Amino acid sequence: MYDSTSLDVQGNAMNTLIFEPEGEGPHPGLIIAQHLPIAHAGLETDPFTIDVGERYAAAGYVCVMPFIFHWWPTE
């Protein structure tokens, strides 16, 4: 499972997904670029992106995935 948060980047909201492993840390961290074929539609709409985050979290990594196209409307 993941959490969704919004960061302010030069006055624009950037949605970010955070995947965390279970158990006590510390855990190594990764910043992962999103999957591009449907990038403009948002992170939560891409099953491949969600699967990548979940697999890394299951392997013990904290993963942060920023929505790098945050200035484009998702619709």
N, C-alpha and C. Protein backbone atom coordinates (compact mmCIF):
# COMPACT_ATOMS: atom_id res chain seq x y z
N MET A 1 0.84 -1.18 0.00
CA MET A 1 0.00 0.00 0.00
C MET A 1 0.88 1.24 0.00
N TYR A 2 0.31 2.34 -0.39
CA TYR A 2 1.07 3.58 -0.49
C TYR A 2 0.27 4.73 0.10
N ASP A 3 0.99 5.80 0.37
CA ASP A 3 0.38 7.06 0.77
C ASP A 3 0.58 8.05 -0.36
N SER A 4 -0.36 8.94 -0.50
CA SER A 4 -0.26 9.99 -1.50
C SER A 4 -0.13 11.32 -0.76
N THR A 5 0.81 12.13 -1.19
CA THR A 5 1.00 13.44 -0.58
C THR A 5 1.24 14.46 -1.69
N SER A 6 1.13 15.71 -1.37
CA SER A 6 1.36 16.76 -2.34
C SER A 6 2.48 17.67 -1.84
N LEU A 7 3.43 17.94 -2.70
CA LEU A 7 4.53 18.84 -2.39
C LEU A 7 4.38 20.11 -3.21
N ASP A 8 4.88 21.22 -2.70
CA ASP A 8 4.85 22.47 -3.45
C ASP A 8 6.16 22.60 -4.21
N VAL A 9 6.07 22.72 -5.53
CA VAL A 9 7.25 22.88 -6.39
C VAL A 9 7.03 24.14 -7.22
N GLN A 10 7.73 25.18 -6.88
CA GLN A 10 7.63 26.46 -7.58
C GLN A 10 6.18 26.91 -7.75
N GLY A 11 5.42 26.79 -6.68
CA GLY A 11 4.04 27.25 -6.69
C GLY A 11 3.04 26.28 -7.28
N ASN A 12 3.48 25.10 -7.70
CA ASN A 12 2.59 24.08 -8.26
C ASN A 12 2.57 22.87 -7.34
N ALA A 13 1.41 22.30 -7.16
CA ALA A 13 1.30 21.08 -6.35
C ALA A 13 1.81 19.88 -7.15
N MET A 14 2.72 19.12 -6.55
CA MET A 14 3.24 17.90 -7.19
C MET A 14 2.80 16.70 -6.35
N ASN A 15 1.90 15.90 -6.91
CA ASN A 15 1.49 14.68 -6.21
C ASN A 15 2.66 13.72 -6.16
N THR A 16 2.78 13.02 -5.04
CA THR A 16 3.87 12.09 -4.82
C THR A 16 3.33 10.86 -4.12
N LEU A 17 3.73 9.70 -4.58
CA LEU A 17 3.37 8.45 -3.91
C LEU A 17 4.54 8.00 -3.06
N ILE A 18 4.25 7.50 -1.86
CA ILE A 18 5.27 7.00 -0.96
C ILE A 18 4.91 5.57 -0.58
N PHE A 19 5.81 4.66 -0.86
CA PHE A 19 5.65 3.24 -0.52
C PHE A 19 6.63 2.93 0.61
N GLU A 20 6.13 2.33 1.68
CA GLU A 20 6.99 2.01 2.82
C GLU A 20 6.91 0.53 3.14
N PRO A 21 8.06 -0.07 3.44
CA PRO A 21 8.05 -1.48 3.83
C PRO A 21 7.49 -1.66 5.23
N GLU A 22 7.09 -2.86 5.54
CA GLU A 22 6.63 -3.17 6.88
C GLU A 22 7.83 -3.37 7.79
N GLY A 23 7.61 -3.20 9.07
CA GLY A 23 8.66 -3.47 10.05
C GLY A 23 9.50 -2.26 10.40
N GLU A 24 10.33 -2.48 11.39
CA GLU A 24 11.23 -1.43 11.89
C GLU A 24 12.29 -1.09 10.86
N GLY A 25 12.66 0.17 10.80
CA GLY A 25 13.74 0.62 9.93
C GLY A 25 15.05 0.62 10.68
N PRO A 26 16.04 1.22 10.17
CA PRO A 26 16.00 2.08 9.00
C PRO A 26 15.93 1.26 7.70
N HIS A 27 15.35 1.89 6.69
CA HIS A 27 15.21 1.27 5.38
C HIS A 27 15.93 2.15 4.35
N PRO A 28 16.57 1.55 3.37
CA PRO A 28 17.16 2.36 2.29
C PRO A 28 16.03 3.00 1.49
N GLY A 29 16.33 4.12 0.86
CA GLY A 29 15.31 4.85 0.11
C GLY A 29 15.65 4.97 -1.36
N LEU A 30 14.60 5.04 -2.17
CA LEU A 30 14.73 5.21 -3.62
C LEU A 30 13.78 6.30 -4.10
N ILE A 31 14.22 7.08 -5.06
CA ILE A 31 13.33 7.97 -5.80
C ILE A 31 13.18 7.32 -7.17
N ILE A 32 11.94 7.01 -7.53
CA ILE A 32 11.69 6.27 -8.77
C ILE A 32 10.90 7.14 -9.74
N ALA A 33 11.39 7.24 -10.97
CA ALA A 33 10.66 7.97 -12.00
C ALA A 33 9.44 7.17 -12.41
N GLN A 34 8.38 7.87 -12.70
CA GLN A 34 7.14 7.21 -13.07
C GLN A 34 7.22 6.57 -14.46
N HIS A 35 6.30 5.69 -14.71
CA HIS A 35 6.13 5.02 -15.99
C HIS A 35 5.57 6.03 -16.99
N LEU A 36 6.14 6.14 -18.17
CA LEU A 36 5.78 7.22 -19.08
C LEU A 36 4.59 7.03 -20.02
N PRO A 37 4.22 5.86 -20.46
CA PRO A 37 3.16 5.80 -21.47
C PRO A 37 1.86 6.51 -21.09
N ILE A 38 1.48 6.52 -19.82
CA ILE A 38 0.26 7.23 -19.44
C ILE A 38 0.58 8.27 -18.36
N ALA A 39 1.75 8.87 -18.45
CA ALA A 39 2.24 9.78 -17.42
C ALA A 39 1.29 10.95 -17.17
N HIS A 40 0.68 11.47 -18.20
CA HIS A 40 -0.16 12.64 -18.05
C HIS A 40 -1.45 12.36 -17.27
N ALA A 41 -1.81 11.10 -17.09
CA ALA A 41 -3.07 10.74 -16.44
C ALA A 41 -2.96 10.65 -14.92
N GLY A 42 -1.77 10.76 -14.36
CA GLY A 42 -1.59 10.69 -12.92
C GLY A 42 -1.01 9.36 -12.47
N LEU A 43 -0.38 9.38 -11.32
CA LEU A 43 0.31 8.19 -10.81
C LEU A 43 -0.64 7.07 -10.43
N GLU A 44 -1.75 7.40 -9.77
CA GLU A 44 -2.66 6.37 -9.28
C GLU A 44 -3.37 5.61 -10.38
N THR A 45 -3.33 6.12 -11.61
CA THR A 45 -4.01 5.45 -12.71
C THR A 45 -3.13 4.46 -13.46
N ASP A 46 -1.87 4.34 -13.05
CA ASP A 46 -0.93 3.47 -13.77
C ASP A 46 -0.60 2.24 -12.93
N PRO A 47 -1.17 1.08 -13.27
CA PRO A 47 -0.91 -0.13 -12.50
C PRO A 47 0.56 -0.54 -12.49
N PHE A 48 1.30 -0.25 -13.56
CA PHE A 48 2.72 -0.60 -13.61
C PHE A 48 3.49 0.19 -12.55
N THR A 49 3.23 1.49 -12.44
CA THR A 49 3.91 2.33 -11.46
C THR A 49 3.60 1.84 -10.04
N ILE A 50 2.35 1.54 -9.77
CA ILE A 50 1.95 1.04 -8.45
C ILE A 50 2.65 -0.28 -8.15
N ASP A 51 2.70 -1.17 -9.12
CA ASP A 51 3.34 -2.47 -8.94
C ASP A 51 4.83 -2.32 -8.62
N VAL A 52 5.52 -1.43 -9.32
CA VAL A 52 6.95 -1.21 -9.07
C VAL A 52 7.16 -0.74 -7.62
N GLY A 53 6.37 0.24 -7.19
CA GLY A 53 6.50 0.73 -5.81
C GLY A 53 6.22 -0.35 -4.79
N GLU A 54 5.20 -1.14 -5.01
CA GLU A 54 4.86 -2.22 -4.08
C GLU A 54 5.95 -3.28 -4.02
N ARG A 55 6.54 -3.62 -5.17
CA ARG A 55 7.60 -4.63 -5.17
C ARG A 55 8.85 -4.16 -4.44
N TYR A 56 9.24 -2.89 -4.64
CA TYR A 56 10.40 -2.38 -3.92
C TYR A 56 10.12 -2.30 -2.42
N ALA A 57 8.92 -1.88 -2.04
CA ALA A 57 8.57 -1.83 -0.62
C ALA A 57 8.60 -3.23 -0.01
N ALA A 58 8.12 -4.22 -0.74
CA ALA A 58 8.15 -5.61 -0.25
C ALA A 58 9.58 -6.11 -0.08
N ALA A 59 10.51 -5.53 -0.86
CA ALA A 59 11.93 -5.91 -0.76
C ALA A 59 12.66 -5.09 0.31
N GLY A 60 11.94 -4.18 1.01
CA GLY A 60 12.54 -3.45 2.12
C GLY A 60 12.95 -2.02 1.85
N TYR A 61 12.54 -1.45 0.72
CA TYR A 61 12.90 -0.08 0.37
C TYR A 61 11.74 0.88 0.59
N VAL A 62 12.06 2.09 1.04
CA VAL A 62 11.10 3.19 1.01
C VAL A 62 11.21 3.81 -0.38
N CYS A 63 10.11 3.95 -1.08
CA CYS A 63 10.12 4.49 -2.44
C CYS A 63 9.26 5.75 -2.51
N VAL A 64 9.80 6.76 -3.16
CA VAL A 64 9.06 7.99 -3.41
C VAL A 64 8.97 8.14 -4.92
N MET A 65 7.73 8.34 -5.41
CA MET A 65 7.51 8.53 -6.84
C MET A 65 6.83 9.86 -7.07
N PRO A 66 7.56 10.86 -7.54
CA PRO A 66 6.94 12.16 -7.82
C PRO A 66 6.24 12.15 -9.17
N PHE A 67 5.15 12.88 -9.24
CA PHE A 67 4.42 13.05 -10.50
C PHE A 67 5.12 14.16 -11.27
N ILE A 68 6.05 13.78 -12.13
CA ILE A 68 6.93 14.76 -12.77
C ILE A 68 6.21 15.63 -13.80
N PHE A 69 4.99 15.27 -14.18
CA PHE A 69 4.20 16.10 -15.11
C PHE A 69 3.14 16.89 -14.35
N HIS A 70 3.47 17.32 -13.14
CA HIS A 70 2.49 17.95 -12.24
C HIS A 70 1.91 19.25 -12.79
N TRP A 71 2.54 19.88 -13.73
CA TRP A 71 2.02 21.14 -14.26
C TRP A 71 0.96 20.94 -15.34
N TRP A 72 0.78 19.69 -15.80
CA TRP A 72 -0.25 19.38 -16.80
C TRP A 72 -1.51 18.90 -16.09
N PRO A 73 -2.68 19.29 -16.55
CA PRO A 73 -3.89 18.75 -15.97
C PRO A 73 -4.00 17.24 -16.27
N THR A 74 -4.41 16.45 -15.30
CA THR A 74 -4.50 15.00 -15.50
C THR A 74 -5.63 14.59 -16.43
N GLU A 75 -6.59 15.44 -16.61
CA GLU A 75 -7.68 15.10 -17.53
C GLU A 75 -7.28 15.50 -18.93
